[in-house]
Amino acid sequence: MTRRLVISLVLSVVLVVIQLLFARTAIGTALLTGLIAFVVAFLVLLVSDRWFSRTGRR
């Protein structure tokens, strides 16, 4: 659980920083996109972990 949260948080922070530095988007838009990225990354990692534990592959 902690691993999924940390990975999702790091990916969302990287996305926000890239948007602020290179895309020059507004801070609100960058934070909203980062929040959406956090949720999507967490869900993808959750489904992936459950899929691979169910099928027995690692």
N, C-alpha and C. Protein backbone atom coordinates (compact mmCIF):
# COMPACT_ATOMS: atom_id res chain seq x y z
N MET A 1 0.82 -1.20 0.00
CA MET A 1 0.00 0.00 0.00
C MET A 1 0.87 1.26 0.00
N THR A 2 1.88 1.27 0.85
CA THR A 2 2.74 2.43 0.94
C THR A 2 3.53 2.63 -0.35
N ARG A 3 3.97 1.53 -0.93
CA ARG A 3 4.73 1.61 -2.18
C ARG A 3 3.88 2.24 -3.28
N ARG A 4 2.62 1.84 -3.37
CA ARG A 4 1.73 2.41 -4.38
C ARG A 4 1.52 3.90 -4.17
N LEU A 5 1.35 4.31 -2.91
CA LEU A 5 1.15 5.74 -2.62
C LEU A 5 2.38 6.56 -2.96
N VAL A 6 3.55 6.05 -2.60
CA VAL A 6 4.79 6.79 -2.86
C VAL A 6 5.05 6.92 -4.35
N ILE A 7 4.89 5.83 -5.09
CA ILE A 7 5.11 5.87 -6.54
C ILE A 7 4.11 6.82 -7.20
N SER A 8 2.86 6.76 -6.81
CA SER A 8 1.85 7.65 -7.38
C SER A 8 2.15 9.11 -7.06
N LEU A 9 2.57 9.37 -5.84
CA LEU A 9 2.90 10.74 -5.45
C LEU A 9 4.09 11.27 -6.23
N VAL A 10 5.13 10.46 -6.38
CA VAL A 10 6.31 10.90 -7.13
C VAL A 10 5.95 11.19 -8.58
N LEU A 11 5.17 10.32 -9.19
CA LEU A 11 4.79 10.55 -10.59
C LEU A 11 3.95 11.81 -10.74
N SER A 12 3.04 12.06 -9.83
CA SER A 12 2.20 13.25 -9.93
C SER A 12 3.01 14.53 -9.69
N VAL A 13 3.95 14.49 -8.76
CA VAL A 13 4.80 15.66 -8.52
C VAL A 13 5.67 15.96 -9.73
N VAL A 14 6.22 14.93 -10.35
CA VAL A 14 7.02 15.12 -11.56
C VAL A 14 6.17 15.75 -12.66
N LEU A 15 4.94 15.28 -12.81
CA LEU A 15 4.05 15.85 -13.82
C LEU A 15 3.76 17.32 -13.56
N VAL A 16 3.50 17.67 -12.31
CA VAL A 16 3.21 19.07 -11.96
C VAL A 16 4.43 19.94 -12.24
N VAL A 17 5.61 19.49 -11.86
CA VAL A 17 6.82 20.26 -12.08
C VAL A 17 7.09 20.45 -13.57
N ILE A 18 6.91 19.41 -14.35
CA ILE A 18 7.11 19.52 -15.80
C ILE A 18 6.13 20.52 -16.40
N GLN A 19 4.89 20.46 -15.96
CA GLN A 19 3.90 21.40 -16.49
C GLN A 19 4.23 22.84 -16.11
N LEU A 20 4.66 23.05 -14.89
CA LEU A 20 4.97 24.42 -14.46
C LEU A 20 6.22 24.97 -15.14
N LEU A 21 7.22 24.12 -15.35
CA LEU A 21 8.47 24.61 -15.91
C LEU A 21 8.44 24.73 -17.43
N PHE A 22 7.91 23.72 -18.09
CA PHE A 22 8.02 23.67 -19.55
C PHE A 22 6.75 24.06 -20.29
N ALA A 23 5.60 23.70 -19.76
CA ALA A 23 4.35 24.00 -20.46
C ALA A 23 3.79 25.36 -20.06
N ARG A 24 4.29 25.91 -18.95
CA ARG A 24 3.87 27.21 -18.45
C ARG A 24 2.35 27.30 -18.26
N THR A 25 1.80 26.24 -17.65
CA THR A 25 0.37 26.25 -17.34
C THR A 25 0.15 26.94 -16.00
N ALA A 26 -1.09 27.27 -15.73
CA ALA A 26 -1.43 27.91 -14.46
C ALA A 26 -1.27 26.91 -13.32
N ILE A 27 -1.02 27.40 -12.14
CA ILE A 27 -0.78 26.53 -10.99
C ILE A 27 -2.00 25.67 -10.67
N GLY A 28 -3.18 26.22 -10.81
CA GLY A 28 -4.40 25.45 -10.54
C GLY A 28 -4.58 24.30 -11.50
N THR A 29 -4.33 24.56 -12.77
CA THR A 29 -4.45 23.52 -13.78
C THR A 29 -3.40 22.43 -13.56
N ALA A 30 -2.20 22.83 -13.22
CA ALA A 30 -1.13 21.86 -12.98
C ALA A 30 -1.45 21.00 -11.77
N LEU A 31 -1.97 21.60 -10.71
CA LEU A 31 -2.31 20.82 -9.51
C LEU A 31 -3.48 19.88 -9.76
N LEU A 32 -4.47 20.33 -10.52
CA LEU A 32 -5.59 19.46 -10.85
C LEU A 32 -5.13 18.28 -11.69
N THR A 33 -4.28 18.52 -12.66
CA THR A 33 -3.75 17.44 -13.48
C THR A 33 -2.90 16.49 -12.64
N GLY A 34 -2.14 17.04 -11.70
CA GLY A 34 -1.35 16.19 -10.81
C GLY A 34 -2.22 15.31 -9.93
N LEU A 35 -3.33 15.85 -9.45
CA LEU A 35 -4.26 15.06 -8.65
C LEU A 35 -4.88 13.94 -9.46
N ILE A 36 -5.28 14.25 -10.68
CA ILE A 36 -5.84 13.22 -11.56
C ILE A 36 -4.80 12.15 -11.86
N ALA A 37 -3.56 12.57 -12.11
CA ALA A 37 -2.48 11.62 -12.37
C ALA A 37 -2.21 10.73 -11.16
N PHE A 38 -2.29 11.31 -9.96
CA PHE A 38 -2.10 10.53 -8.74
C PHE A 38 -3.14 9.42 -8.62
N VAL A 39 -4.39 9.77 -8.84
CA VAL A 39 -5.48 8.79 -8.72
C VAL A 39 -5.35 7.71 -9.78
N VAL A 40 -5.06 8.10 -11.01
CA VAL A 40 -4.94 7.13 -12.10
C VAL A 40 -3.76 6.20 -11.85
N ALA A 41 -2.62 6.74 -11.45
CA ALA A 41 -1.44 5.91 -11.19
C ALA A 41 -1.71 4.94 -10.04
N PHE A 42 -2.37 5.41 -8.99
CA PHE A 42 -2.68 4.53 -7.87
C PHE A 42 -3.59 3.39 -8.29
N LEU A 43 -4.61 3.71 -9.07
CA LEU A 43 -5.54 2.66 -9.52
C LEU A 43 -4.85 1.66 -10.44
N VAL A 44 -4.00 2.14 -11.33
CA VAL A 44 -3.27 1.24 -12.23
C VAL A 44 -2.36 0.31 -11.43
N LEU A 45 -1.66 0.84 -10.45
CA LEU A 45 -0.79 0.01 -9.62
C LEU A 45 -1.60 -0.98 -8.78
N LEU A 46 -2.74 -0.57 -8.30
CA LEU A 46 -3.59 -1.45 -7.52
C LEU A 46 -4.08 -2.63 -8.36
N VAL A 47 -4.59 -2.34 -9.54
CA VAL A 47 -5.08 -3.39 -10.43
C VAL A 47 -3.94 -4.30 -10.87
N SER A 48 -2.79 -3.71 -11.17
CA SER A 48 -1.64 -4.49 -11.60
C SER A 48 -1.17 -5.44 -10.50
N ASP A 49 -1.07 -4.96 -9.28
CA ASP A 49 -0.65 -5.83 -8.18
C ASP A 49 -1.63 -6.96 -7.94
N ARG A 50 -2.89 -6.66 -8.00
CA ARG A 50 -3.90 -7.71 -7.80
C ARG A 50 -3.89 -8.70 -8.94
N TRP A 51 -3.71 -8.24 -10.17
CA TRP A 51 -3.68 -9.12 -11.33
C TRP A 51 -2.52 -10.10 -11.23
N PHE A 52 -1.32 -9.58 -10.93
CA PHE A 52 -0.15 -10.45 -10.89
C PHE A 52 -0.14 -11.36 -9.68
N SER A 53 -0.74 -10.95 -8.57
CA SER A 53 -0.81 -11.84 -7.42
C SER A 53 -1.85 -12.93 -7.64
N ARG A 54 -2.88 -12.63 -8.41
CA ARG A 54 -3.92 -13.62 -8.69
C ARG A 54 -3.44 -14.67 -9.68
N THR A 55 -2.67 -14.25 -10.69
CA THR A 55 -2.21 -15.19 -11.69
C THR A 55 -0.94 -15.91 -11.28
N GLY A 56 -0.32 -15.47 -10.18
CA GLY A 56 0.84 -16.16 -9.67
C GLY A 56 2.14 -15.72 -10.29
N ARG A 57 2.13 -14.72 -11.15
CA ARG A 57 3.36 -14.22 -11.77
C ARG A 57 3.89 -13.05 -10.98
N ARG A 58 5.23 -12.92 -10.94
CA ARG A 58 5.86 -11.78 -10.27
C ARG A 58 7.06 -11.36 -11.01
